[in-house]
C-alpha atoms as a PDB file:
ATOM      1  CA  ALA A   1     -27.661 -24.867 -22.414  1.00  0.00           C
ATOM      2  CA  ASN A   2     -27.098 -22.522 -19.524  1.00  0.00           C
ATOM      3  CA  PRO A   3     -27.696 -18.866 -20.439  1.00  0.00           C
ATOM      4  CA  PRO A   4     -24.743 -16.460 -20.485  1.00  0.00           C
ATOM      5  CA  ILE A   5     -23.765 -14.549 -17.355  1.00  0.00           C
ATOM      6  CA  LEU A   6     -22.433 -10.988 -17.781  1.00  0.00           C
ATOM      7  CA  ILE A   7     -20.239  -9.316 -15.175  1.00  0.00           C
ATOM      8  CA  GLN A   8     -19.174  -5.709 -15.716  1.00  0.00           C
ATOM      9  CA  PHE A   9     -16.222  -3.935 -14.149  1.00  0.00           C
ATOM     10  CA  PRO A  10     -15.264  -1.589 -12.821  1.00  0.00           C
ATOM     11  CA  ARG A  11     -18.483  -0.605 -11.115  1.00  0.00           C
ATOM     12  CA  LEU A  12     -17.319   3.025 -11.080  1.00  0.00           C
ATOM     13  CA  GLU A  13     -14.950   4.528 -13.632  1.00  0.00           C
ATOM     14  CA  ARG A  14     -13.638   8.063 -13.041  1.00  0.00           C
ATOM     15  CA  VAL A  15     -11.919   9.702 -15.986  1.00  0.00           C
ATOM     16  CA  THR A  16     -10.694  13.241 -16.623  1.00  0.00           C
ATOM     17  CA  GLU A  17     -11.887  15.095 -19.721  1.00  0.00           C
ATOM     18  CA  GLY A  18      -9.839  14.236 -22.796  1.00  0.00           C
ATOM     19  CA  HIS A  19      -8.715  10.833 -21.526  1.00  0.00           C
ATOM     20  CA  THR A  20      -9.976   7.343 -22.335  1.00  0.00           C
ATOM     21  CA  ALA A  21     -12.456   5.247 -20.370  1.00  0.00           C
ATOM     22  CA  ARG A  22     -12.361   1.455 -20.670  1.00  0.00           C
ATOM     23  CA  LEU A  23     -15.442  -0.547 -19.700  1.00  0.00           C
ATOM     24  CA  TRP A  24     -15.242  -4.321 -19.356  1.00  0.00           C
ATOM     25  CA  CYS A  25     -17.981  -6.944 -19.692  1.00  0.00           C
ATOM     26  CA  SER A  26     -16.944 -10.521 -18.888  1.00  0.00           C
ATOM     27  CA  MET A  27     -19.168 -13.345 -20.143  1.00  0.00           C
ATOM     28  CA  GLU A  28     -19.520 -16.922 -18.907  1.00  0.00           C
ATOM     29  CA  ASN A  29     -21.323 -19.908 -20.492  1.00  0.00           C
ATOM     30  CA  SER A  30     -20.927 -18.649 -24.054  1.00  0.00           C
ATOM     31  CA  GLU A  31     -18.315 -17.819 -26.674  1.00  0.00           C
ATOM     32  CA  VAL A  32     -17.468 -14.117 -27.035  1.00  0.00           C
ATOM     33  CA  GLY A  33     -16.367 -14.550 -30.633  1.00  0.00           C
ATOM     34  CA  ASN A  34     -19.737 -16.013 -31.655  1.00  0.00           C
ATOM     35  CA  THR A  35     -21.970 -13.541 -29.835  1.00  0.00           C
ATOM     36  CA  ASP A  36     -23.425 -10.137 -30.719  1.00  0.00           C
ATOM     37  CA  VAL A  37     -23.093  -7.627 -27.888  1.00  0.00           C
ATOM     38  CA  HIS A  38     -25.175  -4.461 -27.515  1.00  0.00           C
ATOM     39  CA  TRP A  39     -24.048  -1.488 -25.457  1.00  0.00           C
ATOM     40  CA  TYR A  40     -26.571   0.866 -23.804  1.00  0.00           C
ATOM     41  CA  ARG A  41     -26.284   3.827 -21.498  1.00  0.00           C
ATOM     42  CA  GLU A  42     -28.561   5.494 -18.980  1.00  0.00           C
ATOM     43  CA  LEU A  43     -28.200   9.228 -18.336  1.00  0.00           C
ATOM     44  CA  PRO A  44     -29.391  10.657 -14.998  1.00  0.00           C
ATOM     45  CA  GLY A  45     -33.172  11.083 -15.083  1.00  0.00           C
ATOM     46  CA  GLN A  46     -33.515   9.671 -18.597  1.00  0.00           C
ATOM     47  CA  ASP A  47     -34.483   6.368 -20.184  1.00  0.00           C
ATOM     48  CA  MET A  48     -31.873   3.871 -21.281  1.00  0.00           C
ATOM     49  CA  GLU A  49     -30.616   4.449 -24.841  1.00  0.00           C
ATOM     50  CA  TRP A  50     -28.869   2.173 -27.306  1.00  0.00           C
ATOM     51  CA  VAL A  51     -25.278   3.185 -28.105  1.00  0.00           C
ATOM     52  CA  LEU A  52     -23.954   0.541 -30.534  1.00  0.00           C
ATOM     53  CA  THR A  53     -23.874  -3.141 -31.464  1.00  0.00           C
ATOM     54  CA  HIS A  54     -20.726  -5.210 -32.022  1.00  0.00           C
ATOM     55  CA  GLU A  55     -21.739  -8.179 -34.125  1.00  0.00           C
ATOM     56  CA  ALA A  56     -20.213 -11.656 -34.029  1.00  0.00           C
ATOM     57  CA  GLY A  57     -18.744 -11.115 -37.484  1.00  0.00           C
ATOM     58  CA  GLY A  58     -16.885  -7.997 -36.293  1.00  0.00           C
ATOM     59  CA  SER A  59     -18.983  -5.208 -37.860  1.00  0.00           C
ATOM     60  CA  VAL A  60     -20.129  -2.275 -35.697  1.00  0.00           C
ATOM     61  CA  ARG A  61     -23.414  -0.379 -35.898  1.00  0.00           C
ATOM     62  CA  ARG A  62     -23.741   2.894 -33.973  1.00  0.00           C
ATOM     63  CA  ARG A  63     -26.677   5.063 -33.037  1.00  0.00           C
ATOM     64  CA  PRO A  64     -26.620   8.431 -34.868  1.00  0.00           C
ATOM     65  CA  GLY A  65     -24.637  10.908 -32.836  1.00  0.00           C
ATOM     66  CA  PHE A  66     -22.202   8.326 -31.482  1.00  0.00           C
ATOM     67  CA  THR A  67     -18.953   8.617 -33.385  1.00  0.00           C
ATOM     68  CA  GLU A  68     -15.910   6.400 -33.431  1.00  0.00           C
ATOM     69  CA  ARG A  69     -14.991   7.805 -30.032  1.00  0.00           C
ATOM     70  CA  PHE A  70     -17.088   4.831 -28.876  1.00  0.00           C
ATOM     71  CA  GLN A  71     -15.026   1.835 -29.981  1.00  0.00           C
ATOM     72  CA  PRO A  72     -15.949  -1.797 -29.076  1.00  0.00           C
ATOM     73  CA  PHE A  73     -13.508  -4.706 -28.849  1.00  0.00           C
ATOM     74  CA  LYS A  74     -13.621  -8.399 -28.013  1.00  0.00           C
ATOM     75  CA  ASP A  75     -10.996 -10.060 -25.822  1.00  0.00           C
ATOM     76  CA  VAL A  76     -11.571 -13.702 -26.702  1.00  0.00           C
ATOM     77  CA  SER A  77      -8.748 -14.997 -24.450  1.00  0.00           C
ATOM     78  CA  ASN A  78     -10.415 -13.346 -21.429  1.00  0.00           C
ATOM     79  CA  SER A  79     -13.969 -14.005 -22.655  1.00  0.00           C
ATOM     80  CA  SER A  80     -14.768 -10.307 -22.413  1.00  0.00           C
ATOM     81  CA  PHE A  81     -16.375  -7.477 -24.351  1.00  0.00           C
ATOM     82  CA  ILE A  82     -14.730  -4.043 -24.070  1.00  0.00           C
ATOM     83  CA  LEU A  83     -16.026  -0.565 -24.777  1.00  0.00           C
ATOM     84  CA  ASN A  84     -13.457   2.206 -25.094  1.00  0.00           C
ATOM     85  CA  VAL A  85     -14.666   5.803 -24.974  1.00  0.00           C
ATOM     86  CA  THR A  86     -11.853   8.057 -26.155  1.00  0.00           C
ATOM     87  CA  ASN A  87     -11.440  11.802 -25.583  1.00  0.00           C
ATOM     88  CA  VAL A  88     -14.238  11.648 -23.005  1.00  0.00           C
ATOM     89  CA  MET A  89     -16.499  14.647 -22.385  1.00  0.00           C
ATOM     90  CA  LEU A  90     -18.583  15.662 -19.386  1.00  0.00           C
ATOM     91  CA  ILE A  91     -21.737  14.672 -21.306  1.00  0.00           C
ATOM     92  CA  ASP A  92     -20.437  11.068 -21.507  1.00  0.00           C
ATOM     93  CA  SER A  93     -21.111  10.581 -17.778  1.00  0.00           C
ATOM     94  CA  ALA A  94     -23.736   7.827 -17.470  1.00  0.00           C
ATOM     95  CA  VAL A  95     -24.266   4.165 -16.507  1.00  0.00           C
ATOM     96  CA  TYR A  96     -23.217   1.851 -19.358  1.00  0.00           C
ATOM     97  CA  TYR A  97     -24.619  -1.681 -19.823  1.00  0.00           C
ATOM     98  CA  CYS A  98     -23.630  -4.642 -22.018  1.00  0.00           C
ATOM     99  CA  THR A  99     -26.436  -6.896 -23.276  1.00  0.00           C
ATOM    100  CA  VAL A 100     -26.563 -10.252 -25.123  1.00  0.00           C
ATOM    101  CA  TRP A 101     -29.327 -12.577 -26.251  1.00  0.00           C
ATOM    102  CA  GLY A 102     -31.805  -9.713 -26.196  1.00  0.00           C
ATOM    103  CA  ASP A 103     -32.467  -9.382 -22.465  1.00  0.00           C
ATOM    104  CA  ILE A 104     -29.394 -10.698 -20.635  1.00  0.00           C
ATOM    105  CA  ARG A 105     -27.740  -7.621 -19.201  1.00  0.00           C
ATOM    106  CA  GLY A 106     -24.657  -6.880 -17.153  1.00  0.00           C
ATOM    107  CA  ASN A 107     -24.662  -5.114 -13.789  1.00  0.00           C
ATOM    108  CA  GLY A 108     -23.569  -1.798 -15.340  1.00  0.00           C
ATOM    109  CA  THR A 109     -20.594   0.550 -15.004  1.00  0.00           C
ATOM    110  CA  GLN A 110     -20.951   4.139 -13.787  1.00  0.00           C
ATOM    111  CA  LEU A 111     -18.748   6.449 -15.885  1.00  0.00           C
ATOM    112  CA  ASN A 112     -17.938   9.767 -14.203  1.00  0.00           C
ATOM    113  CA  VAL A 113     -16.081  12.343 -16.294  1.00  0.00           C
ATOM    114  CA  THR A 114     -14.427  15.142 -14.329  1.00  0.00           C
ATOM    115  CA  ASN A 115     -12.445  18.272 -15.158  1.00  0.00           C
ATOM    116  CA  ALA A 116     -10.189  18.077 -12.080  1.00  0.00           C
ATOM    117  CA  ASN A 117      -6.446  17.437 -12.119  1.00  0.00           C
ATOM    118  CA  PRO A 118      -5.949  13.769 -12.958  1.00  0.00           C
ATOM    119  CA  PRO A 119      -4.267  11.411 -10.480  1.00  0.00           C
ATOM    120  CA  ILE A 120      -0.554  10.662 -10.696  1.00  0.00           C
ATOM    121  CA  LEU A 121       0.571   7.076 -10.042  1.00  0.00           C
ATOM    122  CA  ILE A 122       4.112   6.217  -8.962  1.00  0.00           C
ATOM    123  CA  GLN A 123       5.062   2.558  -8.553  1.00  0.00           C
ATOM    124  CA  PHE A 124       7.913   1.198  -6.486  1.00  0.00           C
ATOM    125  CA  PRO A 125      10.150  -0.653  -6.367  1.00  0.00           C
ATOM    126  CA  ARG A 126      10.968  -0.605 -10.076  1.00  0.00           C
ATOM    127  CA  LEU A 127      12.450  -4.102  -9.712  1.00  0.00           C
ATOM    128  CA  GLU A 128      11.307  -6.678  -7.151  1.00  0.00           C
ATOM    129  CA  ARG A 129      13.366  -9.882  -6.820  1.00  0.00           C
ATOM    130  CA  VAL A 130      11.734 -12.670  -4.808  1.00  0.00           C
ATOM    131  CA  THR A 131      12.594 -16.325  -4.281  1.00  0.00           C
ATOM    132  CA  GLU A 132      10.011 -18.993  -5.071  1.00  0.00           C
ATOM    133  CA  GLY A 133       7.547 -19.571  -2.246  1.00  0.00           C
ATOM    134  CA  HIS A 134       8.020 -16.130  -0.695  1.00  0.00           C
ATOM    135  CA  THR A 135       5.829 -12.991  -0.908  1.00  0.00           C
ATOM    136  CA  ALA A 136       6.235 -10.059  -3.292  1.00  0.00           C
ATOM    137  CA  ARG A 137       4.833  -6.641  -2.332  1.00  0.00           C
ATOM    138  CA  LEU A 138       4.187  -4.086  -5.068  1.00  0.00           C
ATOM    139  CA  TRP A 139       3.370  -0.465  -4.179  1.00  0.00           C
ATOM    140  CA  CYS A 140       1.452   2.146  -6.156  1.00  0.00           C
ATOM    141  CA  SER A 141       1.378   5.659  -4.675  1.00  0.00           C
ATOM    142  CA  MET A 142      -1.315   8.064  -5.887  1.00  0.00           C
ATOM    143  CA  GLU A 143      -1.449  11.868  -5.855  1.00  0.00           C
ATOM    144  CA  ASN A 144      -4.387  14.230  -6.584  1.00  0.00           C
ATOM    145  CA  SER A 145      -7.055  11.738  -5.566  1.00  0.00           C
ATOM    146  CA  GLU A 146      -8.313   9.776  -2.579  1.00  0.00           C
ATOM    147  CA  VAL A 147      -7.222   6.146  -2.413  1.00  0.00           C
ATOM    148  CA  GLY A 148     -10.256   5.161  -0.378  1.00  0.00           C
ATOM    149  CA  ASN A 149     -12.677   6.497  -3.017  1.00  0.00           C
ATOM    150  CA  THR A 150     -10.931   5.105  -6.087  1.00  0.00           C
ATOM    151  CA  ASP A 151     -11.139   1.797  -7.924  1.00  0.00           C
ATOM    152  CA  VAL A 152      -7.713   0.448  -8.803  1.00  0.00           C
ATOM    153  CA  HIS A 153      -7.079  -2.092 -11.545  1.00  0.00           C
ATOM    154  CA  TRP A 154      -3.964  -4.252 -11.591  1.00  0.00           C
ATOM    155  CA  TYR A 155      -2.582  -5.515 -14.899  1.00  0.00           C
ATOM    156  CA  ARG A 156       0.487  -7.478 -15.840  1.00  0.00           C
ATOM    157  CA  GLU A 157       2.565  -7.852 -18.996  1.00  0.00           C
ATOM    158  CA  LEU A 158       4.344 -11.139 -19.610  1.00  0.00           C
ATOM    159  CA  PRO A 159       7.382 -11.188 -21.936  1.00  0.00           C
ATOM    160  CA  GLY A 160       6.225 -11.153 -25.551  1.00  0.00           C
ATOM    161  CA  GLN A 161       2.531 -11.027 -24.650  1.00  0.00           C
ATOM    162  CA  ASP A 162      -0.201  -8.397 -24.454  1.00  0.00           C
ATOM    163  CA  MET A 163      -1.096  -6.786 -21.172  1.00  0.00           C
ATOM    164  CA  GLU A 164      -3.702  -8.749 -19.193  1.00  0.00           C
ATOM    165  CA  TRP A 165      -6.067  -7.726 -16.426  1.00  0.00           C
ATOM    166  CA  VAL A 166      -5.311  -9.349 -13.060  1.00  0.00           C
ATOM    167  CA  LEU A 167      -7.868  -7.916 -10.642  1.00  0.00           C
ATOM    168  CA  THR A 168      -9.840  -4.850  -9.583  1.00  0.00           C
ATOM    169  CA  HIS A 169      -9.981  -3.499  -6.033  1.00  0.00           C
ATOM    170  CA  GLU A 170     -13.112  -1.375  -5.895  1.00  0.00           C
ATOM    171  CA  ALA A 171     -13.647   1.718  -3.783  1.00  0.00           C
ATOM    172  CA  GLY A 172     -16.160  -0.191  -1.663  1.00  0.00           C
ATOM    173  CA  GLY A 173     -13.540  -2.828  -0.805  1.00  0.00           C
ATOM    174  CA  SER A 174     -14.723  -5.754  -2.956  1.00  0.00           C
ATOM    175  CA  VAL A 175     -12.203  -7.574  -5.144  1.00  0.00           C
ATOM    176  CA  ARG A 176     -12.813  -9.087  -8.571  1.00  0.00           C
ATOM    177  CA  ARG A 177     -10.194 -11.338 -10.092  1.00  0.00           C
ATOM    178  CA  ARG A 178      -9.634 -12.621 -13.564  1.00  0.00           C
ATOM    179  CA  PRO A 179     -10.311 -16.386 -13.805  1.00  0.00           C
ATOM    180  CA  GLY A 180      -7.128 -18.236 -12.938  1.00  0.00           C
ATOM    181  CA  PHE A 181      -5.913 -15.628 -10.436  1.00  0.00           C
ATOM    182  CA  THR A 182      -6.510 -16.970  -6.945  1.00  0.00           C
ATOM    183  CA  GLU A 183      -6.275 -15.274  -3.568  1.00  0.00           C
ATOM    184  CA  ARG A 184      -2.495 -15.487  -3.859  1.00  0.00           C
ATOM    185  CA  PHE A 185      -3.003 -12.086  -5.513  1.00  0.00           C
ATOM    186  CA  GLN A 186      -4.249  -9.937  -2.650  1.00  0.00           C
ATOM    187  CA  PRO A 187      -4.824  -6.154  -2.975  1.00  0.00           C
ATOM    188  CA  PHE A 188      -4.770  -3.643  -0.119  1.00  0.00           C
ATOM    189  CA  LYS A 189      -5.183   0.095   0.328  1.00  0.00           C
ATOM    190  CA  ASP A 190      -2.920   2.116   2.630  1.00  0.00           C
ATOM    191  CA  VAL A 191      -5.019   5.264   3.048  1.00  0.00           C
ATOM    192  CA  SER A 192      -2.511   6.944   5.399  1.00  0.00           C
ATOM    193  CA  ASN A 193       0.221   6.715   2.738  1.00  0.00           C
ATOM    194  CA  SER A 194      -2.180   7.225  -0.211  1.00  0.00           C
ATOM    195  CA  SER A 195      -1.047   3.938  -1.748  1.00  0.00           C
ATOM    196  CA  PHE A 196      -2.424   0.813  -3.347  1.00  0.00           C
ATOM    197  CA  ILE A 197      -0.620  -2.448  -2.559  1.00  0.00           C
ATOM    198  CA  LEU A 198      -0.593  -5.784  -4.361  1.00  0.00           C
ATOM    199  CA  ASN A 199       0.738  -8.768  -2.431  1.00  0.00           C
ATOM    200  CA  VAL A 200       1.600 -11.914  -4.362  1.00  0.00           C
ATOM    201  CA  THR A 201       2.048 -14.767  -1.905  1.00  0.00           C
ATOM    202  CA  ASN A 202       3.809 -18.085  -2.492  1.00  0.00           C
ATOM    203  CA  VAL A 203       5.246 -16.680  -5.737  1.00  0.00           C
ATOM    204  CA  MET A 204       5.979 -18.962  -8.688  1.00  0.00           C
ATOM    205  CA  LEU A 205       8.287 -18.615 -11.679  1.00  0.00           C
ATOM    206  CA  ILE A 206       5.249 -17.964 -13.913  1.00  0.00           C
ATOM    207  CA  ASP A 207       4.470 -14.845 -11.852  1.00  0.00           C
ATOM    208  CA  SER A 208       7.492 -13.051 -13.341  1.00  0.00           C
ATOM    209  CA  ALA A 209       6.131 -10.069 -15.304  1.00  0.00           C
ATOM    210  CA  VAL A 210       5.736  -6.284 -15.278  1.00  0.00           C
ATOM    211  CA  TYR A 211       2.804  -5.256 -13.061  1.00  0.00           C
ATOM    212  CA  TYR A 212       0.868  -2.000 -13.517  1.00  0.00           C
ATOM    213  CA  CYS A 213      -1.697  -0.194 -11.401  1.00  0.00           C
ATOM    214  CA  THR A 214      -4.384   1.777 -13.278  1.00  0.00           C
ATOM    215  CA  VAL A 215      -7.113   4.215 -12.228  1.00  0.00           C
ATOM    216  CA  TRP A 216      -9.678   6.317 -14.054  1.00  0.00           C
ATOM    217  CA  GLY A 217      -9.532   4.126 -17.124  1.00  0.00           C
ATOM    218  CA  ASP A 218      -6.188   4.980 -18.683  1.00  0.00           C
ATOM    219  CA  ILE A 219      -4.057   6.549 -15.953  1.00  0.00           C
ATOM    220  CA  ARG A 220      -1.318   4.028 -15.360  1.00  0.00           C
ATOM    221  CA  GLY A 221       1.707   3.725 -13.121  1.00  0.00           C
ATOM    222  CA  ASN A 222       5.277   3.296 -14.340  1.00  0.00           C
ATOM    223  CA  GLY A 223       5.245  -0.441 -13.636  1.00  0.00           C
ATOM    224  CA  THR A 224       7.153  -2.845 -11.385  1.00  0.00           C
ATOM    225  CA  GLN A 225       9.221  -5.714 -12.796  1.00  0.00           C
ATOM    226  CA  LEU A 226       8.733  -8.826 -10.662  1.00  0.00           C
ATOM    227  CA  ASN A 227      11.508 -11.395 -11.041  1.00  0.00           C
ATOM    228  CA  VAL A 228      10.980 -14.743  -9.314  1.00  0.00           C
ATOM    229  CA  THR A 229      14.120 -16.811  -8.791  1.00  0.00           C
ATOM    230  CA  VAL A 230      14.539 -20.517  -8.084  1.00  0.00           C
ATOM    231  CA  PHE A 231      14.943 -21.630  -4.495  1.00  0.00           C
ATOM    232  CA  PRO A 232      18.047 -23.862  -4.098  1.00  0.00           C
ATOM    233  CA  THR A 233      17.042 -27.541  -4.266  1.00  0.00           C
ATOM    234  CA  LYS A 234      18.723 -30.438  -2.498  1.00  0.00           C
ATOM    235  CA  GLY A 235      20.568 -31.225  -5.710  1.00  0.00           C
ATOM    236  CA  ASN A 236      21.875 -27.664  -5.942  1.00  0.00           C
ATOM    237  CA  GLN A 237      22.847 -27.728  -2.280  1.00  0.00           C
ATOM    238  CA  GLY A 238      24.812 -30.942  -2.912  1.00  0.00           C
ATOM    239  CA  VAL A 239      26.730 -29.259  -5.714  1.00  0.00           C
ATOM    240  CA  VAL A 240      27.477 -26.286  -3.468  1.00  0.00           C
ATOM    241  CA  MET A 241      28.791 -28.590  -0.702  1.00  0.00           C
ATOM    242  CA  TYR A 242      30.904 -30.518  -3.230  1.00  0.00           C
ATOM    243  CA  LEU A 243      32.467 -27.302  -4.492  1.00  0.00           C
ATOM    244  CA  ALA A 244      33.044 -26.138  -0.927  1.00  0.00           C
ATOM    245  CA  TRP A 245      34.973 -29.331  -0.110  1.00  0.00           C
ATOM    246  CA  ILE A 246      37.157 -28.757  -3.152  1.00  0.00           C
ATOM    247  CA  ILE A 247      37.737 -25.029  -2.732  1.00  0.00           C
ATOM    248  CA  LEU A 248      38.287 -25.018   1.051  1.00  0.00           C
ATOM    249  CA  PRO A 249      41.411 -27.243   0.992  1.00  0.00           C
ATOM    250  CA  LEU A 250      42.844 -25.180  -1.858  1.00  0.00           C
ATOM    251  CA  VAL A 251      42.373 -21.982   0.129  1.00  0.00           C
ATOM    252  CA  LEU A 252      43.915 -23.548   3.239  1.00  0.00           C
ATOM    253  CA  GLY A 253      46.832 -24.846   1.155  1.00  0.00           C
ATOM    254  CA  VAL A 254      47.508 -21.386  -0.268  1.00  0.00           C
ATOM    255  CA  LEU A 255      47.409 -19.886   3.219  1.00  0.00           C
ATOM    256  CA  ALA A 256      49.814 -22.550   4.533  1.00  0.00           C
ATOM    257  CA  VAL A 257      52.331 -21.984   1.712  1.00  0.00           C
ATOM    258  CA  THR A 258      52.125 -18.226   2.168  1.00  0.00           C
ATOM    259  CA  GLY A 259      52.748 -18.601   5.911  1.00  0.00           C
ATOM    260  CA  ALA A 260      55.714 -20.912   5.342  1.00  0.00           C
ATOM    261  CA  VAL A 261      57.318 -18.495   2.876  1.00  0.00           C
ATOM    262  CA  CYS A 262      56.916 -15.617   5.324  1.00  0.00           C
ATOM    263  CA  LEU A 263      58.471 -17.724   8.145  1.00  0.00           C
ATOM    264  CA  ILE A 264      61.476 -18.732   6.003  1.00  0.00           C
ATOM    265  CA  ARG A 265      62.090 -15.111   5.003  1.00  0.00           C
ATOM    266  CA  ARG A 266      61.876 -14.001   8.633  1.00  0.00           C
ATOM    267  CA  ARG A 267      64.375 -16.658   9.761  1.00  0.00           C
ATOM    268  CA  ALA A 268      66.749 -15.825   6.919  1.00  0.00           C
ATOM    269  CA  SER A 269      66.619 -12.156   7.890  1.00  0.00           C
ATOM    270  CA  GLY A 270      67.347 -13.018  11.553  1.00  0.00           C
ATOM    271  CA  SER A 271      70.323 -15.241  10.595  1.00  0.00           C
ATOM    272  CA  HIS A 272      71.838 -12.470   8.466  1.00  0.00           C
ATOM    273  CA  GLN A 273      71.587  -9.986  11.338  1.00  0.00           C
ATOM    274  CA  SER A 274      73.149 -12.525  13.736  1.00  0.00           C
ATOM    275  CA  SER A 275      76.149 -13.127  11.434  1.00  0.00           C
ATOM    276  CA  GLN A 276      76.738  -9.398  11.119  1.00  0.00           C
ATOM    277  CA  SER A 277      76.707  -9.068  14.917  1.00  0.00           C
ATOM    278  CA  GLY A 278      79.246 -11.904  15.182  1.00  0.00           C
ATOM    279  CA  ALA A 279      81.528 -10.227  12.676  1.00  0.00           C
ATOM    280  CA  ASP A 280      81.473  -7.029  14.696  1.00  0.00           C
ATOM    281  CA  ASP A 281      82.420  -8.952  17.816  1.00  0.00           C
ATOM    282  CA  ASP A 282      85.389 -10.601  16.012  1.00  0.00           C
ATOM    283  CA  GLN A 283      86.770  -7.188  15.115  1.00  0.00           C
ATOM    284  CA  THR A 284      87.062  -6.194  18.806  1.00  0.00           C
ATOM    285  CA  PRO A 285      90.832  -5.954  19.727  1.00  0.00           C
ATOM    286  CA  GLY A 286      92.217  -8.912  21.698  1.00  0.00           C
ATOM    287  CA  PRO A 287      94.051  -6.784  24.244  1.00  0.00           C
ATOM    288  CA  ASP A 288      90.716  -5.709  25.741  1.00  0.00           C
ATOM    289  CA  TYR A 289      89.976  -9.241  26.897  1.00  0.00           C
ATOM    290  CA  GLU A 290      93.553  -9.858  27.978  1.00  0.00           C
ATOM    291  CA  ASN A 291      93.705  -6.787  30.106  1.00  0.00           C
ATOM    292  CA  ILE A 292      90.269  -7.397  31.602  1.00  0.00           C
ATOM    293  CA  SER A 293      91.498 -10.880  32.577  1.00  0.00           C
ATOM    294  CA  VAL A 294      94.515  -9.258  34.146  1.00  0.00           C
ATOM    295  CA  THR A 295      92.284  -7.193  36.343  1.00  0.00           C
ATOM    296  CA  ARG A 296      90.520 -10.353  37.462  1.00  0.00           C
ATOM    297  CA  ASN A 297      93.947 -11.829  38.546  1.00  0.00           C
ATOM    298  CA  VAL A 298      94.659  -8.966  40.920  1.00  0.00           C
ATOM    299  CA  PRO A 299      95.236 -10.407  44.434  1.00  0.00           C
ATOM    300  CA  ASN A 300      92.222 -10.129  46.684  1.00  0.00           C
ATOM    301  CA  ALA A 301      92.086  -8.437  50.024  1.00  0.00           C
ATOM    302  CA  GLY A 302      93.065 -11.696  51.793  1.00  0.00           C
ATOM    303  CA  ASP A 303      96.675 -11.536  50.425  1.00  0.00           C
ATOM    304  CA  HIS A 304      97.467  -7.838  50.657  1.00  0.00           C
ATOM    305  CA  GLN A 305      95.792  -4.458  50.166  1.00  0.00           C
ATOM    306  CA  ALA A 306      94.687  -4.075  46.528  1.00  0.00           C
ATOM    307  CA  ASP A 307      95.949  -0.992  44.753  1.00  0.00           C
ATOM    308  CA  PRO A 308      93.161   0.659  42.800  1.00  0.00           C
ATOM    309  CA  ASN A 309      95.711   2.392  40.628  1.00  0.00           C
ATOM    310  CA  ALA A 310      96.950  -0.963  39.427  1.00  0.00           C
ATOM    311  CA  ILE A 311      93.524  -1.829  38.058  1.00  0.00           C
ATOM    312  CA  TYR A 312      93.245   1.566  36.406  1.00  0.00           C
ATOM    313  CA  MET A 313      96.656   1.174  34.823  1.00  0.00           C
ATOM    314  CA  ASP A 314      95.802  -2.284  33.525  1.00  0.00           C
ATOM    315  CA  LEU A 315      92.592  -1.040  31.950  1.00  0.00           C
ATOM    316  CA  GLN A 316      94.445   1.769  30.242  1.00  0.00           C
ATOM    317  CA  ARG A 317      97.112  -0.467  28.714  1.00  0.00           C
ATOM    318  CA  PRO A 318      95.058  -1.857  25.820  1.00  0.00           C
ATOM    319  CA  THR A 319      94.115   1.663  24.831  1.00  0.00           C
ATOM    320  CA  GLN A 320      97.702   2.696  24.784  1.00  0.00           C
ATOM    321  CA  SER A 321      98.576  -0.492  22.853  1.00  0.00           C
ATOM    322  CA  ILE A 322      95.906   0.185  20.256  1.00  0.00           C
ATOM    323  CA  TYR A 323      96.988   3.746  19.712  1.00  0.00           C
ATOM    324  CA  GLY A 324     100.594   2.548  19.568  1.00  0.00           C
ATOM    325  CA  HIS A 325      99.753   0.249  16.630  1.00  0.00           C
ATOM    326  CA  LEU A 326      97.838   2.983  14.894  1.00  0.00           C
END
């Protein structure tokens, strides 16, 4: 059978004193659950030294001096060995190697423990809604450290499942992805804005999860919830059109009825005002019209000279008649 292949990541792990470092060792061509793994470390200027062995049966043997701060795990689903170093100290800085089958060794992980202020990661947006087939962009802003000199690890948490590693974007620019994650998952670094970016292109419903950025082993962002929604299909569009043809006539009918009611009320109001005006005209005394007609019967200039006083007297008669009745 083909011998196992060991791939370690990250290549460089920076952790602040008192925090936890997590070192990964992925194995191909063999079963993690049935394999003993041995962890070694190499201090600057010294020979490599054995740290511990995690046997296939689950038992752990440690070199004297290495306490349970050095805790091994096996991630069978990801075919990986993991070494957690908790409450790290400056003296833990070294290159750590995983080894199987005696002499098959990984490429090593450099652990650097510092006493500087740890980075702060802020992710945004908190909720990203994207339609199937489009691109989601997740941001992770970092303070107290240089983006260009830092490895960033992206993880995701599916509903009801444990968190899983997606990919690592190393300080040197190389990208390592978990098997099954293609180049649809593309990381970037925006040095000017001190941010890490994860683009997920041509998103699918199965991409819906909470995504986290992580640096220095256990410094993690607040997470971004990615929700992928279904793009309307032809069937859905047909339903929408059907509903539109039903709703549109109803709306137009309501508008027509409302307009008709308003028109009827306006006409009724105009008719009422007209009848009131007619009633006022009927109350005007008859002598007014009679006397005005009298003035129109005054002989014209062709018969004899018209007397203006006659017209004045005729116009005054109805007034006198009205006051006489009163």
